[in-house]
Amino acid sequence: MAHRRIGIDLMEKISGVVRTSEELDSYVQDVCAVALNHFPACQGVALYLVLNGGMRPVGFTTRRESDEVAYLDPNDDECIANLRRPVKLAAVDRVRGSWPGFADFMDRQGFGTVLSVPLVVEDTLIGNMGLYAASPDDFDEVDVAVAGAAAQVCADTVAAALEIIDARGLAEQLETAMESRAAIEQAKGIIMALRGVTEDRAFEILRKSSQDRNIKVRTLAEQIVSGAVDLSSASSRR
């Protein structure tokens, strides 16, 4: 009964109505964060959507400090066949032969397995949700069932959104948003390390500095990551 209640709570949290590309970007990030928090053993969550004929990463979150996300090959027939399967647990060693790049990503992240859950609407694959963990034993049968139900809710929401949103340029918008978040996360990490401040304080410094320079937060973040701007002290303005 407790598992059922928890599952219902998860469904409620990821249900919603999405009408714009900005709302879709926010929604996929929320789904990743909610899923990560729901499954205690889960170490990372990635969400992919089929856009412009390709399987593209649109959301990723992890319990570790990382902005890397695995790219799946949309032209790989075996890859697509696996992504269509109802729910599949795959250990990293089992995917190494078919997807060496994906296996290398899992190795770097310290993931030992991925619970792959397709997003399917009316027998059409529109995406995939990957739940990453250290070991296949970290997910039990209830987790697998709940993940499948959550993926269906997500698929229905995304499919409804794609009927409203102009698909042209959507893939580029979502990828740009992901790149922006990655740069900001890296910049926050640099500021935290240099100044010894919390994550929230690091973002405040980043936001205030971008306002002082009259540039976007993402632009300043990219400059910090590249070394063009030094925010190691409050007086740094080069």
Foldseek 3Di string as FASTA:
>chain_A
DVLVVLLVVLLVQLADAAFELVSVLVSVQSNFVSLPVSQVQFFKKWKWFQAPNATGTQYMDGPDLDLDDDGDGSVQPVRVVVLLDAKDKDFLVRCCVPCVSVSVVCVVVQFGIWIKHFQDDPNDTTIIMITTGNDPVSADPSNNVSVSVNSPSNSVNVVNNPVNYDSVCSSVVSVVVSLLVRLLSVLLVVQCVLAVDDSVVSVVLLVVLCVVVVHDSSVVSNCVVVVVFDPSDVPGDD
